[in-house]
Amino acid sequence: MTILVGMRELARNLNILDGYDYVDVEDKKTHEYKGLFVSPKYADEFKSFLEDKISKEHQVKLDRIMKYAGKGRVHERFNNLTSSQIKEKVALEKYGE
């Protein structure tokens, strides 16, 4: 079962939440949807659902970023060289002496 309540009603009487599976909250003045309260019997299940969903969203973002990770690595043969020394070495390899 569900019910639609206003912010004032909810603030004045929290017992409204009892007996409902979830309660939609709306600002009655502006008719703006404010959120949802879930019954304690569904809270754990809903929490795990949200954690999984958020985790998947983060993984998608991480996968998109990781496609480009490591693309700017410097080759081992240039270790411990300054940028000008690297440029010089590359020029010598490409064009010779």
N, C-alpha and C. Protein backbone atom coordinates (compact mmCIF):
# COMPACT_ATOMS: atom_id res chain seq x y z
N MET A 1 0.83 -1.18 0.00
CA MET A 1 0.00 0.00 0.00
C MET A 1 0.87 1.24 0.00
N THR A 2 0.33 2.30 -0.57
CA THR A 2 1.07 3.55 -0.65
C THR A 2 0.14 4.72 -0.40
N ILE A 3 0.74 5.86 -0.10
CA ILE A 3 -0.02 7.08 0.15
C ILE A 3 0.82 8.26 -0.28
N LEU A 4 0.18 9.35 -0.62
CA LEU A 4 0.85 10.59 -0.96
C LEU A 4 0.58 11.59 0.16
N VAL A 5 1.67 12.06 0.81
CA VAL A 5 1.49 13.00 1.93
C VAL A 5 2.31 14.25 1.66
N GLY A 6 1.94 15.30 2.35
CA GLY A 6 2.66 16.56 2.25
C GLY A 6 3.76 16.64 3.29
N MET A 7 4.67 17.59 3.09
CA MET A 7 5.80 17.75 4.02
C MET A 7 5.30 18.11 5.42
N ARG A 8 4.32 19.00 5.51
CA ARG A 8 3.80 19.41 6.81
C ARG A 8 3.16 18.24 7.54
N GLU A 9 2.36 17.48 6.82
CA GLU A 9 1.70 16.32 7.43
C GLU A 9 2.74 15.36 8.00
N LEU A 10 3.79 15.14 7.24
CA LEU A 10 4.83 14.21 7.66
C LEU A 10 5.58 14.74 8.88
N ALA A 11 5.87 16.04 8.88
CA ALA A 11 6.58 16.63 10.00
C ALA A 11 5.74 16.61 11.27
N ARG A 12 4.44 16.79 11.13
CA ARG A 12 3.57 16.83 12.29
C ARG A 12 3.24 15.45 12.84
N ASN A 13 3.22 14.45 11.96
CA ASN A 13 2.78 13.13 12.40
C ASN A 13 3.57 12.04 11.67
N LEU A 14 4.63 11.56 12.30
CA LEU A 14 5.44 10.50 11.70
C LEU A 14 4.72 9.16 11.70
N ASN A 15 3.67 9.03 12.46
CA ASN A 15 2.92 7.77 12.50
C ASN A 15 2.22 7.49 11.18
N ILE A 16 2.17 8.47 10.29
CA ILE A 16 1.60 8.28 8.96
C ILE A 16 2.35 7.17 8.23
N LEU A 17 3.65 7.04 8.52
CA LEU A 17 4.49 6.06 7.83
C LEU A 17 4.12 4.62 8.18
N ASP A 18 3.54 4.43 9.35
CA ASP A 18 3.17 3.08 9.79
C ASP A 18 2.05 2.52 8.92
N GLY A 19 2.17 1.28 8.56
CA GLY A 19 1.11 0.61 7.84
C GLY A 19 1.19 0.73 6.33
N TYR A 20 2.20 1.42 5.81
CA TYR A 20 2.35 1.56 4.37
C TYR A 20 3.66 0.96 3.93
N ASP A 21 3.68 0.39 2.72
CA ASP A 21 4.90 -0.17 2.17
C ASP A 21 5.88 0.94 1.81
N TYR A 22 5.35 2.00 1.22
CA TYR A 22 6.14 3.19 0.97
C TYR A 22 5.23 4.41 0.92
N VAL A 23 5.81 5.57 1.19
CA VAL A 23 5.05 6.81 1.24
C VAL A 23 5.71 7.82 0.32
N ASP A 24 4.95 8.33 -0.65
CA ASP A 24 5.42 9.40 -1.53
C ASP A 24 5.24 10.72 -0.80
N VAL A 25 6.26 11.58 -0.89
CA VAL A 25 6.20 12.88 -0.22
C VAL A 25 6.21 13.97 -1.28
N GLU A 26 5.24 14.89 -1.15
CA GLU A 26 5.10 15.97 -2.11
C GLU A 26 4.92 17.27 -1.36
N ASP A 27 5.50 18.34 -1.88
CA ASP A 27 5.25 19.67 -1.35
C ASP A 27 3.90 20.09 -1.91
N LYS A 28 2.90 20.14 -1.03
CA LYS A 28 1.53 20.40 -1.48
C LYS A 28 1.37 21.80 -2.08
N LYS A 29 2.19 22.74 -1.63
CA LYS A 29 2.08 24.11 -2.14
C LYS A 29 2.53 24.21 -3.59
N THR A 30 3.71 23.66 -3.87
CA THR A 30 4.29 23.78 -5.22
C THR A 30 4.05 22.53 -6.07
N HIS A 31 3.46 21.50 -5.48
CA HIS A 31 3.24 20.22 -6.14
C HIS A 31 4.55 19.63 -6.67
N GLU A 32 5.61 19.86 -5.91
CA GLU A 32 6.93 19.33 -6.27
C GLU A 32 7.16 18.02 -5.51
N TYR A 33 7.53 16.98 -6.25
CA TYR A 33 7.81 15.68 -5.65
C TYR A 33 9.09 15.77 -4.84
N LYS A 34 9.05 15.38 -3.58
CA LYS A 34 10.21 15.50 -2.70
C LYS A 34 10.93 14.19 -2.45
N GLY A 35 10.24 13.08 -2.54
CA GLY A 35 10.95 11.83 -2.31
C GLY A 35 10.04 10.71 -1.89
N LEU A 36 10.66 9.71 -1.28
CA LEU A 36 9.97 8.47 -0.97
C LEU A 36 10.51 7.93 0.35
N PHE A 37 9.60 7.51 1.20
CA PHE A 37 9.99 6.81 2.42
C PHE A 37 9.60 5.35 2.25
N VAL A 38 10.52 4.46 2.57
CA VAL A 38 10.29 3.03 2.40
C VAL A 38 10.08 2.40 3.76
N SER A 39 9.17 1.45 3.81
CA SER A 39 8.88 0.73 5.05
C SER A 39 10.13 0.02 5.56
N PRO A 40 10.29 -0.08 6.88
CA PRO A 40 11.46 -0.78 7.42
C PRO A 40 11.59 -2.22 6.95
N LYS A 41 10.47 -2.87 6.63
CA LYS A 41 10.57 -4.26 6.19
C LYS A 41 11.21 -4.37 4.80
N TYR A 42 11.21 -3.29 4.02
CA TYR A 42 11.84 -3.29 2.70
C TYR A 42 13.16 -2.52 2.68
N ALA A 43 13.51 -1.88 3.77
CA ALA A 43 14.67 -0.99 3.81
C ALA A 43 15.97 -1.70 3.44
N ASP A 44 16.24 -2.86 4.04
CA ASP A 44 17.50 -3.57 3.76
C ASP A 44 17.60 -4.00 2.30
N GLU A 45 16.49 -4.52 1.78
CA GLU A 45 16.46 -4.96 0.39
C GLU A 45 16.68 -3.77 -0.55
N PHE A 46 16.03 -2.66 -0.24
CA PHE A 46 16.15 -1.46 -1.08
C PHE A 46 17.56 -0.88 -1.00
N LYS A 47 18.15 -0.90 0.20
CA LYS A 47 19.53 -0.42 0.37
C LYS A 47 20.50 -1.23 -0.48
N SER A 48 20.37 -2.54 -0.44
CA SER A 48 21.28 -3.38 -1.23
C SER A 48 21.07 -3.15 -2.72
N PHE A 49 19.82 -2.94 -3.14
CA PHE A 49 19.54 -2.63 -4.54
C PHE A 49 20.23 -1.32 -4.95
N LEU A 50 20.10 -0.29 -4.12
CA LEU A 50 20.73 1.00 -4.43
C LEU A 50 22.25 0.91 -4.44
N GLU A 51 22.82 0.18 -3.48
CA GLU A 51 24.27 0.02 -3.44
C GLU A 51 24.77 -0.68 -4.70
N ASP A 52 24.06 -1.71 -5.15
CA ASP A 52 24.44 -2.40 -6.39
C ASP A 52 24.35 -1.47 -7.59
N LYS A 53 23.27 -0.72 -7.65
CA LYS A 53 23.07 0.21 -8.78
C LYS A 53 24.16 1.28 -8.81
N ILE A 54 24.45 1.86 -7.66
CA ILE A 54 25.50 2.89 -7.58
C ILE A 54 26.85 2.31 -7.92
N SER A 55 27.12 1.10 -7.43
CA SER A 55 28.38 0.42 -7.73
C SER A 55 28.54 0.18 -9.23
N LYS A 56 27.47 -0.25 -9.89
CA LYS A 56 27.52 -0.47 -11.34
C LYS A 56 27.76 0.82 -12.10
N GLU A 57 27.12 1.91 -11.67
CA GLU A 57 27.32 3.21 -12.31
C GLU A 57 28.77 3.67 -12.17
N HIS A 58 29.33 3.49 -10.97
CA HIS A 58 30.73 3.86 -10.75
C HIS A 58 31.65 3.01 -11.60
N GLN A 59 31.33 1.72 -11.73
CA GLN A 59 32.17 0.82 -12.53
C GLN A 59 32.15 1.23 -13.99
N VAL A 60 30.99 1.63 -14.51
CA VAL A 60 30.89 2.08 -15.89
C VAL A 60 31.77 3.31 -16.11
N LYS A 61 31.70 4.26 -15.18
CA LYS A 61 32.53 5.47 -15.29
C LYS A 61 34.01 5.11 -15.21
N LEU A 62 34.35 4.21 -14.30
CA LEU A 62 35.74 3.79 -14.14
C LEU A 62 36.24 3.09 -15.40
N ASP A 63 35.40 2.24 -15.99
CA ASP A 63 35.79 1.55 -17.22
C ASP A 63 36.04 2.54 -18.35
N ARG A 64 35.20 3.58 -18.44
CA ARG A 64 35.40 4.60 -19.48
C ARG A 64 36.74 5.32 -19.28
N ILE A 65 37.07 5.61 -18.04
CA ILE A 65 38.32 6.30 -17.73
C ILE A 65 39.51 5.39 -17.98
N MET A 66 39.38 4.12 -17.59
CA MET A 66 40.50 3.19 -17.68
C MET A 66 40.88 2.88 -19.12
N LYS A 67 39.99 3.16 -20.08
CA LYS A 67 40.35 2.95 -21.49
C LYS A 67 41.55 3.82 -21.85
N TYR A 68 41.65 4.96 -21.21
CA TYR A 68 42.71 5.91 -21.54
C TYR A 68 43.88 5.88 -20.56
N ALA A 69 43.74 5.14 -19.49
CA ALA A 69 44.80 5.07 -18.49
C ALA A 69 46.03 4.38 -19.08
N GLY A 70 47.17 4.95 -18.84
CA GLY A 70 48.41 4.36 -19.31
C GLY A 70 48.78 4.73 -20.72
N LYS A 71 47.96 5.52 -21.39
CA LYS A 71 48.26 5.91 -22.76
C LYS A 71 49.42 6.88 -22.82
N GLY A 72 49.68 7.58 -21.72
CA GLY A 72 50.75 8.56 -21.71
C GLY A 72 52.03 8.06 -21.07
N ARG A 73 52.22 6.75 -21.04
CA ARG A 73 53.43 6.20 -20.42
C ARG A 73 54.65 6.48 -21.28
N VAL A 74 55.77 6.64 -20.60
CA VAL A 74 57.04 6.85 -21.28
C VAL A 74 57.72 5.50 -21.40
N HIS A 75 58.28 5.23 -22.57
CA HIS A 75 58.94 3.95 -22.82
C HIS A 75 60.12 3.79 -21.88
N GLU A 76 60.44 2.55 -21.56
CA GLU A 76 61.51 2.24 -20.60
C GLU A 76 62.86 2.82 -21.03
N ARG A 77 63.10 2.89 -22.32
CA ARG A 77 64.42 3.37 -22.77
C ARG A 77 64.62 4.86 -22.46
N PHE A 78 63.56 5.55 -22.07
CA PHE A 78 63.68 6.97 -21.74
C PHE A 78 63.70 7.22 -20.24
N ASN A 79 63.76 6.15 -19.44
CA ASN A 79 63.80 6.33 -17.99
C ASN A 79 65.00 7.18 -17.59
N ASN A 80 64.79 8.01 -16.58
CA ASN A 80 65.82 8.86 -15.99
C ASN A 80 66.41 9.88 -16.98
N LEU A 81 65.69 10.23 -18.02
CA LEU A 81 66.14 11.26 -18.95
C LEU A 81 65.24 12.49 -18.81
N THR A 82 65.80 13.65 -19.03
CA THR A 82 65.00 14.87 -19.01
C THR A 82 64.24 14.97 -20.33
N SER A 83 63.30 15.89 -20.40
CA SER A 83 62.49 16.02 -21.61
C SER A 83 63.35 16.42 -22.81
N SER A 84 64.33 17.27 -22.59
CA SER A 84 65.18 17.67 -23.72
C SER A 84 66.06 16.50 -24.19
N GLN A 85 66.50 15.66 -23.25
CA GLN A 85 67.29 14.49 -23.63
C GLN A 85 66.43 13.48 -24.40
N ILE A 86 65.16 13.35 -24.01
CA ILE A 86 64.24 12.45 -24.72
C ILE A 86 64.05 12.95 -26.15
N LYS A 87 63.82 14.25 -26.30
CA LYS A 87 63.63 14.83 -27.64
C LYS A 87 64.85 14.59 -28.51
N GLU A 88 66.01 14.78 -27.92
CA GLU A 88 67.26 14.59 -28.66
C GLU A 88 67.40 13.13 -29.10
N LYS A 89 67.11 12.20 -28.19
CA LYS A 89 67.25 10.78 -28.49
C LYS A 89 66.26 10.36 -29.59
N VAL A 90 65.03 10.86 -29.53
CA VAL A 90 64.02 10.53 -30.55
C VAL A 90 64.46 11.09 -31.91
N ALA A 91 64.96 12.32 -31.92
CA ALA A 91 65.42 12.91 -33.18
C ALA A 91 66.56 12.10 -33.77
N LEU A 92 67.49 11.66 -32.94
CA LEU A 92 68.61 10.86 -33.44
C LEU A 92 68.12 9.52 -34.01
N GLU A 93 67.13 8.90 -33.32
CA GLU A 93 66.60 7.63 -33.80
C GLU A 93 65.86 7.80 -35.12
N LYS A 94 65.12 8.91 -35.28
CA LYS A 94 64.35 9.12 -36.50
C LYS A 94 65.23 9.53 -37.67
N TYR A 95 66.12 10.47 -37.43
CA TYR A 95 66.85 11.10 -38.53
C TYR A 95 68.34 10.76 -38.57
N GLY A 96 68.80 10.05 -37.58
CA GLY A 96 70.23 9.70 -37.54
C GLY A 96 71.08 10.90 -37.13
N GLU A 97 72.36 10.81 -37.38
CA GLU A 97 73.27 11.89 -36.96
C GLU A 97 73.30 13.02 -37.93
